[in-house]
Amino acid sequence: MDKKFDKAAFKEKLEASGEFPMLYMFKFIVPTGTEHEIAALFPKNEVVLKPSSGGKYISTTIQVMMDSADQIIHIYERASDIEGLISF
């Protein structure tokens, strides 16, 4: 992940957005062929895939019941290790 990530500010926003547990929607864009790495982060949840018009990328959407802001942040930190991740 190239961008600076302000974990404290993000956690504050998450906690202000509602009460936990909450249904949270994760969205990631990854190169085609690496979508299985996103799916591995959510082994018990449905991962909705949508290929880009050129076929180079896959948009993934996952809705998951999360127990805390820290749990959400942990998923984003793990996802940031996926090579070629261009959006989250």
PDB file of N, CA and C in Angstrom:
ATOM      1  N   MET A   1       0.853  -1.172   0.000  1.00  0.00           N
ATOM      2  CA  MET A   1       0.000   0.000   0.000  1.00  0.00           C
ATOM      3  C   MET A   1       0.898   1.234   0.000  1.00  0.00           C
ATOM      4  N   ASP A   2       0.786   2.040  -1.035  1.00  0.00           N
ATOM      5  CA  ASP A   2       1.651   3.201  -1.189  1.00  0.00           C
ATOM      6  C   ASP A   2       1.169   4.408  -0.401  1.00  0.00           C
ATOM      7  N   LYS A   3      -0.124   4.544  -0.226  1.00  0.00           N
ATOM      8  CA  LYS A   3      -0.672   5.714   0.444  1.00  0.00           C
ATOM      9  C   LYS A   3      -0.481   5.605   1.947  1.00  0.00           C
ATOM     10  N   LYS A   4      -0.295   6.748   2.575  1.00  0.00           N
ATOM     11  CA  LYS A   4      -0.242   6.785   4.035  1.00  0.00           C
ATOM     12  C   LYS A   4      -1.650   6.517   4.559  1.00  0.00           C
ATOM     13  N   PHE A   5      -1.737   5.624   5.515  1.00  0.00           N
ATOM     14  CA  PHE A   5      -3.012   5.215   6.068  1.00  0.00           C
ATOM     15  C   PHE A   5      -3.096   5.718   7.500  1.00  0.00           C
ATOM     16  N   ASP A   6      -4.042   6.592   7.763  1.00  0.00           N
ATOM     17  CA  ASP A   6      -4.247   7.127   9.110  1.00  0.00           C
ATOM     18  C   ASP A   6      -5.229   6.219   9.839  1.00  0.00           C
ATOM     19  N   LYS A   7      -4.682   5.211  10.502  1.00  0.00           N
ATOM     20  CA  LYS A   7      -5.503   4.195  11.158  1.00  0.00           C
ATOM     21  C   LYS A   7      -6.407   4.798  12.233  1.00  0.00           C
ATOM     22  N   ALA A   8      -5.886   5.722  13.014  1.00  0.00           N
ATOM     23  CA  ALA A   8      -6.674   6.316  14.101  1.00  0.00           C
ATOM     24  C   ALA A   8      -7.877   7.090  13.557  1.00  0.00           C
ATOM     25  N   ALA A   9      -7.668   7.863  12.501  1.00  0.00           N
ATOM     26  CA  ALA A   9      -8.765   8.638  11.915  1.00  0.00           C
ATOM     27  C   ALA A   9      -9.809   7.715  11.292  1.00  0.00           C
ATOM     28  N   PHE A  10      -9.352   6.651  10.620  1.00  0.00           N
ATOM     29  CA  PHE A  10     -10.273   5.706  10.011  1.00  0.00           C
ATOM     30  C   PHE A  10     -11.093   4.989  11.092  1.00  0.00           C
ATOM     31  N   LYS A  11     -10.433   4.588  12.169  1.00  0.00           N
ATOM     32  CA  LYS A  11     -11.123   3.916  13.264  1.00  0.00           C
ATOM     33  C   LYS A  11     -12.186   4.840  13.862  1.00  0.00           C
ATOM     34  N   GLU A  12     -11.844   6.095  14.025  1.00  0.00           N
ATOM     35  CA  GLU A  12     -12.793   7.073  14.569  1.00  0.00           C
ATOM     36  C   GLU A  12     -14.026   7.193  13.672  1.00  0.00           C
ATOM     37  N   LYS A  13     -13.807   7.249  12.343  1.00  0.00           N
ATOM     38  CA  LYS A  13     -14.927   7.337  11.397  1.00  0.00           C
ATOM     39  C   LYS A  13     -15.802   6.091  11.461  1.00  0.00           C
ATOM     40  N   LEU A  14     -15.157   4.932  11.529  1.00  0.00           N
ATOM     41  CA  LEU A  14     -15.916   3.686  11.602  1.00  0.00           C
ATOM     42  C   LEU A  14     -16.777   3.649  12.860  1.00  0.00           C
ATOM     43  N   GLU A  15     -16.201   4.028  13.981  1.00  0.00           N
ATOM     44  CA  GLU A  15     -16.937   3.992  15.248  1.00  0.00           C
ATOM     45  C   GLU A  15     -18.067   5.017  15.276  1.00  0.00           C
ATOM     46  N   ALA A  16     -17.900   6.117  14.556  1.00  0.00           N
ATOM     47  CA  ALA A  16     -18.937   7.146  14.505  1.00  0.00           C
ATOM     48  C   ALA A  16     -20.062   6.786  13.524  1.00  0.00           C
ATOM     49  N   SER A  17     -19.827   5.809  12.659  1.00  0.00           N
ATOM     50  CA  SER A  17     -20.802   5.483  11.620  1.00  0.00           C
ATOM     51  C   SER A  17     -21.938   4.583  12.101  1.00  0.00           C
ATOM     52  N   GLY A  18     -21.835   4.070  13.307  1.00  0.00           N
ATOM     53  CA  GLY A  18     -22.897   3.217  13.826  1.00  0.00           C
ATOM     54  C   GLY A  18     -22.390   2.341  14.943  1.00  0.00           C
ATOM     55  N   GLU A  19     -23.274   1.477  15.404  1.00  0.00           N
ATOM     56  CA  GLU A  19     -22.912   0.592  16.509  1.00  0.00           C
ATOM     57  C   GLU A  19     -22.514  -0.779  15.978  1.00  0.00           C
ATOM     58  N   PHE A  20     -21.560  -1.372  16.653  1.00  0.00           N
ATOM     59  CA  PHE A  20     -21.123  -2.719  16.312  1.00  0.00           C
ATOM     60  C   PHE A  20     -21.890  -3.715  17.170  1.00  0.00           C
ATOM     61  N   PRO A  21     -22.152  -4.909  16.636  1.00  0.00           N
ATOM     62  CA  PRO A  21     -21.772  -5.383  15.312  1.00  0.00           C
ATOM     63  C   PRO A  21     -22.578  -4.688  14.223  1.00  0.00           C
ATOM     64  N   MET A  22     -21.971  -4.574  13.024  1.00  0.00           N
ATOM     65  CA  MET A  22     -22.630  -3.934  11.891  1.00  0.00           C
ATOM     66  C   MET A  22     -22.286  -4.673  10.609  1.00  0.00           C
ATOM     67  N   LEU A  23     -23.168  -4.570   9.641  1.00  0.00           N
ATOM     68  CA  LEU A  23     -22.916  -5.116   8.317  1.00  0.00           C
ATOM     69  C   LEU A  23     -22.034  -4.112   7.590  1.00  0.00           C
ATOM     70  N   TYR A  24     -20.872  -4.572   7.148  1.00  0.00           N
ATOM     71  CA  TYR A  24     -19.909  -3.682   6.497  1.00  0.00           C
ATOM     72  C   TYR A  24     -19.644  -4.197   5.091  1.00  0.00           C
ATOM     73  N   MET A  25     -19.570  -3.284   4.125  1.00  0.00           N
ATOM     74  CA  MET A  25     -19.312  -3.659   2.747  1.00  0.00           C
ATOM     75  C   MET A  25     -17.864  -3.330   2.378  1.00  0.00           C
ATOM     76  N   PHE A  26     -17.122  -4.367   2.049  1.00  0.00           N
ATOM     77  CA  PHE A  26     -15.752  -4.215   1.556  1.00  0.00           C
ATOM     78  C   PHE A  26     -15.784  -4.214   0.037  1.00  0.00           C
ATOM     79  N   LYS A  27     -14.995  -3.338  -0.579  1.00  0.00           N
ATOM     80  CA  LYS A  27     -14.851  -3.307  -2.034  1.00  0.00           C
ATOM     81  C   LYS A  27     -13.361  -3.211  -2.349  1.00  0.00           C
ATOM     82  N   PHE A  28     -12.920  -4.082  -3.248  1.00  0.00           N
ATOM     83  CA  PHE A  28     -11.523  -4.078  -3.667  1.00  0.00           C
ATOM     84  C   PHE A  28     -11.472  -4.233  -5.179  1.00  0.00           C
ATOM     85  N   ILE A  29     -10.449  -3.663  -5.803  1.00  0.00           N
ATOM     86  CA  ILE A  29     -10.175  -3.881  -7.218  1.00  0.00           C
ATOM     87  C   ILE A  29      -8.778  -4.478  -7.298  1.00  0.00           C
ATOM     88  N   VAL A  30      -8.711  -5.627  -7.958  1.00  0.00           N
ATOM     89  CA  VAL A  30      -7.440  -6.354  -8.064  1.00  0.00           C
ATOM     90  C   VAL A  30      -7.242  -6.816  -9.499  1.00  0.00           C
ATOM     91  N   PRO A  31      -5.987  -7.108  -9.884  1.00  0.00           N
ATOM     92  CA  PRO A  31      -5.748  -7.660 -11.217  1.00  0.00           C
ATOM     93  C   PRO A  31      -6.455  -9.008 -11.374  1.00  0.00           C
ATOM     94  N   THR A  32      -6.976  -9.270 -12.564  1.00  0.00           N
ATOM     95  CA  THR A  32      -7.598 -10.562 -12.840  1.00  0.00           C
ATOM     96  C   THR A  32      -6.602 -11.666 -12.514  1.00  0.00           C
ATOM     97  N   GLY A  33      -7.083 -12.673 -11.837  1.00  0.00           N
ATOM     98  CA  GLY A  33      -6.233 -13.786 -11.438  1.00  0.00           C
ATOM     99  C   GLY A  33      -5.827 -13.737  -9.973  1.00  0.00           C
ATOM    100  N   THR A  34      -6.040 -12.586  -9.323  1.00  0.00           N
ATOM    101  CA  THR A  34      -5.705 -12.488  -7.905  1.00  0.00           C
ATOM    102  C   THR A  34      -6.951 -12.381  -7.020  1.00  0.00           C
ATOM    103  N   GLU A  35      -8.122 -12.498  -7.638  1.00  0.00           N
ATOM    104  CA  GLU A  35      -9.359 -12.385  -6.860  1.00  0.00           C
ATOM    105  C   GLU A  35      -9.467 -13.471  -5.792  1.00  0.00           C
ATOM    106  N   HIS A  36      -8.804 -14.603  -6.000  1.00  0.00           N
ATOM    107  CA  HIS A  36      -8.820 -15.668  -4.989  1.00  0.00           C
ATOM    108  C   HIS A  36      -8.151 -15.214  -3.683  1.00  0.00           C
ATOM    109  N   GLU A  37      -7.216 -14.257  -3.781  1.00  0.00           N
ATOM    110  CA  GLU A  37      -6.562 -13.741  -2.576  1.00  0.00           C
ATOM    111  C   GLU A  37      -7.541 -12.911  -1.740  1.00  0.00           C
ATOM    112  N   ILE A  38      -8.424 -12.192  -2.407  1.00  0.00           N
ATOM    113  CA  ILE A  38      -9.473 -11.457  -1.684  1.00  0.00           C
ATOM    114  C   ILE A  38     -10.442 -12.461  -1.067  1.00  0.00           C
ATOM    115  N   ALA A  39     -10.851 -13.452  -1.842  1.00  0.00           N
ATOM    116  CA  ALA A  39     -11.786 -14.458  -1.341  1.00  0.00           C
ATOM    117  C   ALA A  39     -11.223 -15.168  -0.113  1.00  0.00           C
ATOM    118  N   ALA A  40      -9.912 -15.360  -0.065  1.00  0.00           N
ATOM    119  CA  ALA A  40      -9.282 -16.031   1.077  1.00  0.00           C
ATOM    120  C   ALA A  40      -9.419 -15.224   2.370  1.00  0.00           C
ATOM    121  N   LEU A  41      -9.604 -13.913   2.254  1.00  0.00           N
ATOM    122  CA  LEU A  41      -9.810 -13.077   3.434  1.00  0.00           C
ATOM    123  C   LEU A  41     -11.208 -13.267   4.029  1.00  0.00           C
ATOM    124  N   PHE A  42     -12.115 -13.818   3.213  1.00  0.00           N
ATOM    125  CA  PHE A  42     -13.525 -13.963   3.612  1.00  0.00           C
ATOM    126  C   PHE A  42     -13.998 -15.386   3.319  1.00  0.00           C
ATOM    127  N   PRO A  43     -13.416 -16.389   3.971  1.00  0.00           N
ATOM    128  CA  PRO A  43     -13.723 -17.778   3.623  1.00  0.00           C
ATOM    129  C   PRO A  43     -15.181 -18.195   3.836  1.00  0.00           C
ATOM    130  N   LYS A  44     -15.914 -17.500   4.671  1.00  0.00           N
ATOM    131  CA  LYS A  44     -17.299 -17.880   4.967  1.00  0.00           C
ATOM    132  C   LYS A  44     -18.324 -16.951   4.323  1.00  0.00           C
ATOM    133  N   ASN A  45     -17.863 -16.042   3.462  1.00  0.00           N
ATOM    134  CA  ASN A  45     -18.766 -15.053   2.886  1.00  0.00           C
ATOM    135  C   ASN A  45     -18.740 -15.104   1.366  1.00  0.00           C
ATOM    136  N   GLU A  46     -19.850 -14.686   0.776  1.00  0.00           N
ATOM    137  CA  GLU A  46     -19.942 -14.614  -0.678  1.00  0.00           C
ATOM    138  C   GLU A  46     -19.137 -13.412  -1.167  1.00  0.00           C
ATOM    139  N   VAL A  47     -18.333 -13.651  -2.188  1.00  0.00           N
ATOM    140  CA  VAL A  47     -17.560 -12.582  -2.818  1.00  0.00           C
ATOM    141  C   VAL A  47     -18.159 -12.367  -4.201  1.00  0.00           C
ATOM    142  N   VAL A  48     -18.720 -11.174  -4.427  1.00  0.00           N
ATOM    143  CA  VAL A  48     -19.319 -10.846  -5.722  1.00  0.00           C
ATOM    144  C   VAL A  48     -18.222 -10.264  -6.602  1.00  0.00           C
ATOM    145  N   LEU A  49     -18.054 -10.856  -7.797  1.00  0.00           N
ATOM    146  CA  LEU A  49     -16.998 -10.441  -8.720  1.00  0.00           C
ATOM    147  C   LEU A  49     -17.601  -9.751  -9.930  1.00  0.00           C
ATOM    148  N   LYS A  50     -16.939  -8.693 -10.376  1.00  0.00           N
ATOM    149  CA  LYS A  50     -17.360  -7.996 -11.589  1.00  0.00           C
ATOM    150  C   LYS A  50     -16.108  -7.634 -12.374  1.00  0.00           C
ATOM    151  N   PRO A  51     -15.916  -8.252 -13.536  1.00  0.00           N
ATOM    152  CA  PRO A  51     -14.722  -7.939 -14.329  1.00  0.00           C
ATOM    153  C   PRO A  51     -14.810  -6.541 -14.944  1.00  0.00           C
ATOM    154  N   SER A  52     -13.646  -5.925 -15.138  1.00  0.00           N
ATOM    155  CA  SER A  52     -13.608  -4.617 -15.800  1.00  0.00           C
ATOM    156  C   SER A  52     -13.925  -4.813 -17.284  1.00  0.00           C
ATOM    157  N   SER A  53     -14.250  -3.733 -17.959  1.00  0.00           N
ATOM    158  CA  SER A  53     -14.618  -3.831 -19.376  1.00  0.00           C
ATOM    159  C   SER A  53     -13.463  -4.376 -20.223  1.00  0.00           C
ATOM    160  N   GLY A  54     -12.239  -4.077 -19.844  1.00  0.00           N
ATOM    161  CA  GLY A  54     -11.080  -4.579 -20.584  1.00  0.00           C
ATOM    162  C   GLY A  54     -10.590  -5.933 -20.123  1.00  0.00           C
ATOM    163  N   GLY A  55     -11.140  -6.413 -18.993  1.00  0.00           N
ATOM    164  CA  GLY A  55     -10.781  -7.726 -18.492  1.00  0.00           C
ATOM    165  C   GLY A  55      -9.494  -7.801 -17.699  1.00  0.00           C
ATOM    166  N   LYS A  56      -8.825  -6.665 -17.473  1.00  0.00           N
ATOM    167  CA  LYS A  56      -7.565  -6.679 -16.726  1.00  0.00           C
ATOM    168  C   LYS A  56      -7.772  -6.734 -15.216  1.00  0.00           C
ATOM    169  N   TYR A  57      -8.921  -6.254 -14.769  1.00  0.00           N
ATOM    170  CA  TYR A  57      -9.162  -6.131 -13.338  1.00  0.00           C
ATOM    171  C   TYR A  57     -10.492  -6.762 -12.950  1.00  0.00           C
ATOM    172  N   ILE A  58     -10.592  -7.077 -11.672  1.00  0.00           N
ATOM    173  CA  ILE A  58     -11.821  -7.622 -11.100  1.00  0.00           C
ATOM    174  C   ILE A  58     -12.198  -6.750  -9.902  1.00  0.00           C
ATOM    175  N   SER A  59     -13.444  -6.312  -9.884  1.00  0.00           N
ATOM    176  CA  SER A  59     -13.978  -5.601  -8.730  1.00  0.00           C
ATOM    177  C   SER A  59     -14.628  -6.643  -7.826  1.00  0.00           C
ATOM    178  N   THR A  60     -14.314  -6.582  -6.545  1.00  0.00           N
ATOM    179  CA  THR A  60     -14.892  -7.525  -5.588  1.00  0.00           C
ATOM    180  C   THR A  60     -15.713  -6.758  -4.555  1.00  0.00           C
ATOM    181  N   THR A  61     -16.837  -7.334  -4.181  1.00  0.00           N
ATOM    182  CA  THR A  61     -17.690  -6.748  -3.154  1.00  0.00           C
ATOM    183  C   THR A  61     -18.061  -7.853  -2.180  1.00  0.00           C
ATOM    184  N   ILE A  62     -17.889  -7.583  -0.904  1.00  0.00           N
ATOM    185  CA  ILE A  62     -18.181  -8.553   0.137  1.00  0.00           C
ATOM    186  C   ILE A  62     -18.898  -7.833   1.272  1.00  0.00           C
ATOM    187  N   GLN A  63     -20.035  -8.360   1.698  1.00  0.00           N
ATOM    188  CA  GLN A  63     -20.741  -7.808   2.856  1.00  0.00           C
ATOM    189  C   GLN A  63     -20.549  -8.777   4.018  1.00  0.00           C
ATOM    190  N   VAL A  64     -20.052  -8.237   5.121  1.00  0.00           N
ATOM    191  CA  VAL A  64     -19.699  -9.073   6.268  1.00  0.00           C
ATOM    192  C   VAL A  64     -20.165  -8.394   7.556  1.00  0.00           C
ATOM    193  N   MET A  65     -20.674  -9.203   8.466  1.00  0.00           N
ATOM    194  CA  MET A  65     -21.019  -8.696   9.785  1.00  0.00           C
ATOM    195  C   MET A  65     -19.720  -8.569  10.582  1.00  0.00           C
ATOM    196  N   MET A  66     -19.401  -7.365  11.012  1.00  0.00           N
ATOM    197  CA  MET A  66     -18.145  -7.105  11.717  1.00  0.00           C
ATOM    198  C   MET A  66     -18.447  -6.699  13.153  1.00  0.00           C
ATOM    199  N   ASP A  67     -17.577  -7.168  14.059  1.00  0.00           N
ATOM    200  CA  ASP A  67     -17.781  -6.930  15.485  1.00  0.00           C
ATOM    201  C   ASP A  67     -17.145  -5.650  16.011  1.00  0.00           C
ATOM    202  N   SER A  68     -16.167  -5.102  15.271  1.00  0.00           N
ATOM    203  CA  SER A  68     -15.483  -3.899  15.764  1.00  0.00           C
ATOM    204  C   SER A  68     -14.766  -3.188  14.628  1.00  0.00           C
ATOM    205  N   ALA A  69     -14.415  -1.941  14.871  1.00  0.00           N
ATOM    206  CA  ALA A  69     -13.626  -1.171  13.911  1.00  0.00           C
ATOM    207  C   ALA A  69     -12.257  -1.814  13.724  1.00  0.00           C
ATOM    208  N   ASP A  70     -11.694  -2.332  14.794  1.00  0.00           N
ATOM    209  CA  ASP A  70     -10.383  -2.984  14.697  1.00  0.00           C
ATOM    210  C   ASP A  70     -10.428  -4.189  13.772  1.00  0.00           C
ATOM    211  N   GLN A  71     -11.518  -4.916  13.782  1.00  0.00           N
ATOM    212  CA  GLN A  71     -11.664  -6.080  12.909  1.00  0.00           C
ATOM    213  C   GLN A  71     -11.684  -5.644  11.440  1.00  0.00           C
ATOM    214  N   ILE A  72     -12.363  -4.558  11.139  1.00  0.00           N
ATOM    215  CA  ILE A  72     -12.405  -4.019   9.778  1.00  0.00           C
ATOM    216  C   ILE A  72     -11.014  -3.575   9.348  1.00  0.00           C
ATOM    217  N   ILE A  73     -10.336  -2.843  10.201  1.00  0.00           N
ATOM    218  CA  ILE A  73      -8.986  -2.356   9.894  1.00  0.00           C
ATOM    219  C   ILE A  73      -8.041  -3.522   9.650  1.00  0.00           C
ATOM    220  N   HIS A  74      -8.171  -4.581  10.422  1.00  0.00           N
ATOM    221  CA  HIS A  74      -7.322  -5.757  10.247  1.00  0.00           C
ATOM    222  C   HIS A  74      -7.494  -6.359   8.847  1.00  0.00           C
ATOM    223  N   ILE A  75      -8.720  -6.415   8.351  1.00  0.00           N
ATOM    224  CA  ILE A  75      -8.966  -6.932   6.995  1.00  0.00           C
ATOM    225  C   ILE A  75      -8.272  -6.049   5.967  1.00  0.00           C
ATOM    226  N   TYR A  76      -8.402  -4.729   6.097  1.00  0.00           N
ATOM    227  CA  TYR A  76      -7.750  -3.816   5.157  1.00  0.00           C
ATOM    228  C   TYR A  76      -6.227  -3.959   5.205  1.00  0.00           C
ATOM    229  N   GLU A  77      -5.680  -4.141   6.378  1.00  0.00           N
ATOM    230  CA  GLU A  77      -4.226  -4.319   6.498  1.00  0.00           C
ATOM    231  C   GLU A  77      -3.788  -5.598   5.800  1.00  0.00           C
ATOM    232  N   ARG A  78      -4.534  -6.672   5.958  1.00  0.00           N
ATOM    233  CA  ARG A  78      -4.199  -7.925   5.280  1.00  0.00           C
ATOM    234  C   ARG A  78      -4.342  -7.770   3.765  1.00  0.00           C
ATOM    235  N   ALA A  79      -5.386  -7.082   3.323  1.00  0.00           N
ATOM    236  CA  ALA A  79      -5.612  -6.891   1.889  1.00  0.00           C
ATOM    237  C   ALA A  79      -4.510  -6.048   1.256  1.00  0.00           C
ATOM    238  N   SER A  80      -3.942  -5.129   2.011  1.00  0.00           N
ATOM    239  CA  SER A  80      -2.912  -4.247   1.453  1.00  0.00           C
ATOM    240  C   SER A  80      -1.660  -5.013   1.019  1.00  0.00           C
ATOM    241  N   ASP A  81      -1.512  -6.256   1.473  1.00  0.00           N
ATOM    242  CA  ASP A  81      -0.376  -7.086   1.076  1.00  0.00           C
ATOM    243  C   ASP A  81      -0.586  -7.765  -0.273  1.00  0.00           C
ATOM    244  N   ILE A  82      -1.778  -7.682  -0.833  1.00  0.00           N
ATOM    245  CA  ILE A  82      -2.061  -8.334  -2.110  1.00  0.00           C
ATOM    246  C   ILE A  82      -1.420  -7.523  -3.229  1.00  0.00           C
ATOM    247  N   GLU A  83      -0.578  -8.194  -3.988  1.00  0.00           N
ATOM    248  CA  GLU A  83       0.145  -7.507  -5.064  1.00  0.00           C
ATOM    249  C   GLU A  83      -0.832  -7.049  -6.148  1.00  0.00           C
ATOM    250  N   GLY A  84      -0.693  -5.794  -6.536  1.00  0.00           N
ATOM    251  CA  GLY A  84      -1.514  -5.235  -7.588  1.00  0.00           C
ATOM    252  C   GLY A  84      -2.821  -4.634  -7.118  1.00  0.00           C
ATOM    253  N   LEU A  85      -3.115  -4.698  -5.818  1.00  0.00           N
ATOM    254  CA  LEU A  85      -4.335  -4.092  -5.290  1.00  0.00           C
ATOM    255  C   LEU A  85      -4.328  -2.607  -5.655  1.00  0.00           C
ATOM    256  N   ILE A  86      -5.347  -2.159  -6.375  1.00  0.00           N
ATOM    257  CA  ILE A  86      -5.323  -0.768  -6.803  1.00  0.00           C
ATOM    258  C   ILE A  86      -6.388   0.086  -6.139  1.00  0.00           C
ATOM    259  N   SER A  87      -7.317  -0.536  -5.449  1.00  0.00           N
ATOM    260  CA  SER A  87      -8.360   0.256  -4.820  1.00  0.00           C
ATOM    261  C   SER A  87      -8.960  -0.492  -3.663  1.00  0.00           C
ATOM    262  N   PHE A  88      -9.229   0.250  -2.602  1.00  0.00           N
ATOM    263  CA  PHE A  88      -9.978  -0.312  -1.487  1.00  0.00           C
ATOM    264  C   PHE A  88     -10.549   0.813  -0.671  1.00  0.00           C
TER     265      PHE A  88
END
